[in-house]
PDB file of N, CA and C in Angstrom:
ATOM      1  N   UNK A   1     145.730 -53.588 -10.017  1.00  0.00           N
ATOM      2  CA  UNK A   1     144.889 -53.435  -8.827  1.00  0.00           C
ATOM      3  C   UNK A   1     143.807 -52.395  -9.093  1.00  0.00           C
ATOM      4  N   UNK A   2     142.572 -52.745  -8.781  1.00  0.00           N
ATOM      5  CA  UNK A   2     141.458 -51.824  -9.012  1.00  0.00           C
ATOM      6  C   UNK A   2     141.418 -50.753  -7.938  1.00  0.00           C
ATOM      7  N   UNK A   3     141.159 -49.528  -8.361  1.00  0.00           N
ATOM      8  CA  UNK A   3     141.038 -48.410  -7.421  1.00  0.00           C
ATOM      9  C   UNK A   3     139.639 -47.822  -7.540  1.00  0.00           C
ATOM     10  N   UNK A   4     139.010 -47.568  -6.406  1.00  0.00           N
ATOM     11  CA  UNK A   4     137.684 -46.941  -6.427  1.00  0.00           C
ATOM     12  C   UNK A   4     137.761 -45.598  -7.155  1.00  0.00           C
ATOM     13  N   UNK A   5     136.771 -45.286  -8.013  1.00  0.00           N
ATOM     14  CA  UNK A   5     136.782 -44.015  -8.755  1.00  0.00           C
ATOM     15  C   UNK A   5     136.979 -42.802  -7.854  1.00  0.00           C
ATOM     16  N   UNK A   6     136.297 -42.787  -6.721  1.00  0.00           N
ATOM     17  CA  UNK A   6     136.420 -41.633  -5.825  1.00  0.00           C
ATOM     18  C   UNK A   6     137.824 -41.546  -5.253  1.00  0.00           C
ATOM     19  N   UNK A   7     138.425 -42.702  -4.992  1.00  0.00           N
ATOM     20  CA  UNK A   7     139.790 -42.713  -4.471  1.00  0.00           C
ATOM     21  C   UNK A   7     140.748 -42.184  -5.529  1.00  0.00           C
ATOM     22  N   UNK A   8     140.514 -42.555  -6.783  1.00  0.00           N
ATOM     23  CA  UNK A   8     141.366 -42.085  -7.874  1.00  0.00           C
ATOM     24  C   UNK A   8     141.273 -40.573  -8.005  1.00  0.00           C
ATOM     25  N   UNK A   9     140.058 -40.037  -7.866  1.00  0.00           N
ATOM     26  CA  UNK A   9     139.873 -38.585  -7.950  1.00  0.00           C
ATOM     27  C   UNK A   9     140.626 -37.896  -6.820  1.00  0.00           C
ATOM     28  N   UNK A  10     140.545 -38.469  -5.613  1.00  0.00           N
ATOM     29  CA  UNK A  10     141.273 -37.893  -4.476  1.00  0.00           C
ATOM     30  C   UNK A  10     142.768 -37.888  -4.752  1.00  0.00           C
ATOM     31  N   UNK A  11     143.272 -38.970  -5.357  1.00  0.00           N
ATOM     32  CA  UNK A  11     144.695 -39.056  -5.679  1.00  0.00           C
ATOM     33  C   UNK A  11     145.067 -37.989  -6.701  1.00  0.00           C
ATOM     34  N   UNK A  12     144.241 -37.846  -7.737  1.00  0.00           N
ATOM     35  CA  UNK A  12     144.508 -36.850  -8.781  1.00  0.00           C
ATOM     36  C   UNK A  12     144.498 -35.445  -8.196  1.00  0.00           C
ATOM     37  N   UNK A  13     143.513 -35.162  -7.329  1.00  0.00           N
ATOM     38  CA  UNK A  13     143.443 -33.834  -6.717  1.00  0.00           C
ATOM     39  C   UNK A  13     144.664 -33.588  -5.846  1.00  0.00           C
ATOM     40  N   UNK A  14     145.105 -34.616  -5.142  1.00  0.00           N
ATOM     41  CA  UNK A  14     146.302 -34.489  -4.310  1.00  0.00           C
ATOM     42  C   UNK A  14     147.531 -34.215  -5.161  1.00  0.00           C
ATOM     43  N   UNK A  15     147.627 -34.910  -6.298  1.00  0.00           N
ATOM     44  CA  UNK A  15     148.754 -34.689  -7.202  1.00  0.00           C
ATOM     45  C   UNK A  15     148.718 -33.273  -7.759  1.00  0.00           C
ATOM     46  N   UNK A  16     147.525 -32.801  -8.112  1.00  0.00           N
ATOM     47  CA  UNK A  16     147.399 -31.440  -8.640  1.00  0.00           C
ATOM     48  C   UNK A  16     147.912 -30.418  -7.638  1.00  0.00           C
ATOM     49  N   UNK A  17     147.564 -30.575  -6.361  1.00  0.00           N
ATOM     50  CA  UNK A  17     148.038 -29.647  -5.335  1.00  0.00           C
ATOM     51  C   UNK A  17     149.554 -29.722  -5.223  1.00  0.00           C
ATOM     52  N   UNK A  18     150.103 -30.939  -5.237  1.00  0.00           N
ATOM     53  CA  UNK A  18     151.549 -31.136  -5.134  1.00  0.00           C
ATOM     54  C   UNK A  18     152.262 -30.520  -6.330  1.00  0.00           C
ATOM     55  N   UNK A  19     151.732 -30.791  -7.527  1.00  0.00           N
ATOM     56  CA  UNK A  19     152.375 -30.293  -8.739  1.00  0.00           C
ATOM     57  C   UNK A  19     152.237 -28.779  -8.860  1.00  0.00           C
ATOM     58  N   UNK A  20     151.087 -28.242  -8.480  1.00  0.00           N
ATOM     59  CA  UNK A  20     150.898 -26.787  -8.520  1.00  0.00           C
ATOM     60  C   UNK A  20     151.896 -26.096  -7.601  1.00  0.00           C
ATOM     61  N   UNK A  21     152.169 -26.712  -6.460  1.00  0.00           N
ATOM     62  CA  UNK A  21     153.106 -26.132  -5.501  1.00  0.00           C
ATOM     63  C   UNK A  21     154.499 -26.011  -6.106  1.00  0.00           C
ATOM     64  N   UNK A  22     154.858 -27.001  -6.915  1.00  0.00           N
ATOM     65  CA  UNK A  22     156.186 -26.991  -7.528  1.00  0.00           C
ATOM     66  C   UNK A  22     156.162 -26.487  -8.970  1.00  0.00           C
ATOM     67  N   UNK A  23     155.004 -25.944  -9.385  1.00  0.00           N
ATOM     68  CA  UNK A  23     154.881 -25.380 -10.736  1.00  0.00           C
ATOM     69  C   UNK A  23     155.160 -26.400 -11.831  1.00  0.00           C
ATOM     70  N   UNK A  24     154.717 -27.646 -11.609  1.00  0.00           N
ATOM     71  CA  UNK A  24     154.821 -28.650 -12.659  1.00  0.00           C
ATOM     72  C   UNK A  24     153.526 -28.642 -13.459  1.00  0.00           C
ATOM     73  N   UNK A  25     153.483 -29.458 -14.504  1.00  0.00           N
ATOM     74  CA  UNK A  25     152.240 -29.609 -15.249  1.00  0.00           C
ATOM     75  C   UNK A  25     151.183 -30.199 -14.330  1.00  0.00           C
ATOM     76  N   UNK A  26     149.936 -29.904 -14.630  1.00  0.00           N
ATOM     77  CA  UNK A  26     148.856 -30.433 -13.802  1.00  0.00           C
ATOM     78  C   UNK A  26     148.805 -31.947 -13.920  1.00  0.00           C
ATOM     79  N   UNK A  27     148.329 -32.598 -12.881  1.00  0.00           N
ATOM     80  CA  UNK A  27     148.233 -34.053 -12.885  1.00  0.00           C
ATOM     81  C   UNK A  27     147.306 -34.518 -14.002  1.00  0.00           C
ATOM     82  N   UNK A  28     146.306 -33.714 -14.333  1.00  0.00           N
ATOM     83  CA  UNK A  28     145.383 -34.086 -15.395  1.00  0.00           C
ATOM     84  C   UNK A  28     146.110 -34.186 -16.734  1.00  0.00           C
ATOM     85  N   UNK A  29     147.121 -33.346 -16.957  1.00  0.00           N
ATOM     86  CA  UNK A  29     147.898 -33.419 -18.187  1.00  0.00           C
ATOM     87  C   UNK A  29     148.812 -34.635 -18.169  1.00  0.00           C
ATOM     88  N   UNK A  30     149.423 -34.890 -16.999  1.00  0.00           N
ATOM     89  CA  UNK A  30     150.348 -36.011 -16.896  1.00  0.00           C
ATOM     90  C   UNK A  30     149.621 -37.349 -16.949  1.00  0.00           C
ATOM     91  N   UNK A  31     148.360 -37.357 -16.523  1.00  0.00           N
ATOM     92  CA  UNK A  31     147.594 -38.602 -16.495  1.00  0.00           C
ATOM     93  C   UNK A  31     146.370 -38.499 -17.396  1.00  0.00           C
ATOM     94  N   UNK A  32     146.503 -37.774 -18.493  1.00  0.00           N
ATOM     95  CA  UNK A  32     145.381 -37.541 -19.392  1.00  0.00           C
ATOM     96  C   UNK A  32     144.773 -38.815 -19.944  1.00  0.00           C
ATOM     97  N   UNK A  33     145.575 -39.876 -20.030  1.00  0.00           N
ATOM     98  CA  UNK A  33     145.075 -41.122 -20.594  1.00  0.00           C
ATOM     99  C   UNK A  33     144.041 -41.782 -19.689  1.00  0.00           C
ATOM    100  N   UNK A  34     143.984 -41.355 -18.418  1.00  0.00           N
ATOM    101  CA  UNK A  34     143.013 -41.945 -17.491  1.00  0.00           C
ATOM    102  C   UNK A  34     141.613 -41.389 -17.712  1.00  0.00           C
ATOM    103  N   UNK A  35     141.548 -40.184 -18.334  1.00  0.00           N
ATOM    104  CA  UNK A  35     140.256 -39.544 -18.602  1.00  0.00           C
ATOM    105  C   UNK A  35     139.402 -39.426 -17.354  1.00  0.00           C
ATOM    106  N   UNK A  36     140.001 -39.009 -16.266  1.00  0.00           N
ATOM    107  CA  UNK A  36     139.250 -38.818 -15.022  1.00  0.00           C
ATOM    108  C   UNK A  36     138.843 -37.343 -14.914  1.00  0.00           C
TER     109      UNK A  36
END
């Protein structure tokens, strides 16, 4: 399923906030293959 680029960025930013709260790796590291 195609996701709008801006929507993907919003999702990544949301994941970063969630992961930062729990002291996990940043979403950018976990999803580095997306190159967003």
